[in-house]
Amino acid sequence: MAFTPLHDRVLVRRIEGEEKTAGGLIIPDSAKEKPAEGEIMAVGAGARDEDGDRIAMDVKVGDRVLFGKWSGTEVTIDGKELLIMKESDILGIM
């Protein structure tokens, strides 16, 4: 993949949730919510502070993260549906 996010943005691939409930019922696609968990695919170089120095990113490629339900912008790169979001949209690293 030849895509690098700019500044404090990250590229995230959603990790699909369970297909069944704990009781064994299969959840149809129409009833599923989009997962709010993903894997970092690429990270930007980081934002700059007032002096022009880079602020290091807290996430790295391969991290599993949780993010807000409405976070990010959906894009398709190399046939894969991915999200581009700011690092501040990430709630935590798993």
Protein backbone atom coordinates (compact mmCIF):
# COMPACT_ATOMS: atom_id res chain seq x y z
CA MET A 1 0.00 0.00 0.00
CA ALA A 2 1.47 3.33 -1.06
CA PHE A 3 -0.45 5.67 1.26
CA THR A 4 0.99 7.74 4.09
CA PRO A 5 -1.33 9.90 6.24
CA LEU A 6 -0.24 13.47 6.90
CA HIS A 7 0.46 15.11 10.27
CA ASP A 8 -1.44 13.48 13.17
CA ARG A 9 -3.70 11.27 11.07
CA VAL A 10 -3.81 7.47 11.03
CA LEU A 11 -5.14 4.85 8.61
CA VAL A 12 -7.29 2.21 10.35
CA ARG A 13 -8.74 -1.11 9.16
CA ARG A 14 -11.93 -2.07 11.00
CA ILE A 15 -11.87 -5.40 12.82
CA GLU A 16 -15.19 -7.15 12.29
CA GLY A 17 -17.19 -8.20 15.33
CA GLU A 18 -18.74 -11.52 16.17
CA GLU A 19 -21.20 -13.14 13.75
CA LYS A 20 -23.10 -14.84 16.60
CA THR A 21 -24.46 -13.79 19.97
CA ALA A 22 -23.34 -15.46 23.19
CA GLY A 23 -26.45 -17.67 22.94
CA GLY A 24 -25.51 -18.85 19.44
CA LEU A 25 -27.93 -16.75 17.38
CA ILE A 26 -26.56 -15.55 14.04
CA ILE A 27 -26.67 -11.76 13.65
CA PRO A 28 -27.79 -10.63 10.15
CA ASP A 29 -25.78 -7.90 8.40
CA SER A 30 -28.73 -5.49 8.60
CA ALA A 31 -28.73 -5.68 12.43
CA LYS A 32 -24.97 -5.32 12.93
CA GLU A 33 -23.37 -2.09 14.02
CA LYS A 34 -20.11 -1.01 12.48
CA PRO A 35 -17.28 -2.08 14.76
CA ALA A 36 -15.48 0.59 16.73
CA GLU A 37 -12.30 -1.49 16.92
CA GLY A 38 -9.53 -1.52 14.37
CA GLU A 39 -5.90 -2.06 13.50
CA ILE A 40 -3.53 0.78 12.64
CA MET A 41 -2.30 0.33 9.06
CA ALA A 42 -0.26 3.56 8.68
CA VAL A 43 0.56 6.64 10.78
CA GLY A 44 1.55 10.19 9.90
CA ALA A 45 4.73 11.88 11.11
CA GLY A 46 2.90 13.75 13.87
CA ALA A 47 1.63 17.28 14.37
CA ARG A 48 3.95 20.22 15.02
CA ASP A 49 3.99 22.30 18.17
CA GLU A 50 4.31 26.11 18.32
CA ASP A 51 8.10 25.92 17.91
CA GLY A 52 7.82 23.70 14.81
CA ASP A 53 9.00 20.52 16.55
CA ARG A 54 7.20 17.24 15.84
CA ILE A 55 4.91 15.83 18.52
CA ALA A 56 5.48 12.05 18.61
CA MET A 57 2.51 9.81 17.83
CA ASP A 58 1.24 7.55 20.63
CA VAL A 59 0.13 4.80 18.22
CA LYS A 60 2.15 2.70 15.79
CA VAL A 61 1.42 0.36 12.89
CA GLY A 62 -0.12 -2.90 14.14
CA ASP A 63 -1.75 -1.46 17.29
CA ARG A 64 -5.35 -2.53 17.98
CA VAL A 65 -7.38 0.53 18.93
CA LEU A 66 -10.87 1.58 19.96
CA PHE A 67 -12.37 4.68 18.36
CA GLY A 68 -15.63 6.63 18.46
CA LYS A 69 -18.67 5.34 16.58
CA TRP A 70 -18.72 8.27 14.13
CA SER A 71 -14.95 8.83 13.93
CA GLY A 72 -12.98 9.09 10.74
CA THR A 73 -13.61 9.29 7.02
CA GLU A 74 -14.26 6.10 5.08
CA VAL A 75 -11.99 5.57 2.06
CA THR A 76 -11.24 2.69 -0.30
CA ILE A 77 -7.55 2.03 -0.98
CA ASP A 78 -6.39 -0.97 -3.01
CA GLY A 79 -9.92 -2.38 -2.81
CA LYS A 80 -9.99 -2.30 1.01
CA GLU A 81 -12.42 -0.19 3.02
CA LEU A 82 -10.40 1.81 5.55
CA LEU A 83 -10.79 4.83 7.81
CA ILE A 84 -8.63 7.94 8.03
CA MET A 85 -8.90 9.71 11.38
CA LYS A 86 -6.99 12.03 13.65
CA GLU A 87 -5.05 10.43 16.46
CA SER A 88 -7.25 12.34 18.93
CA ASP A 89 -10.29 10.34 17.67
CA ILE A 90 -8.73 7.16 19.08
CA LEU A 91 -10.06 6.34 22.54
CA GLY A 92 -7.41 3.80 23.54
CA ILE A 93 -4.99 1.06 22.60
CA MET A 94 -5.95 -2.55 23.37
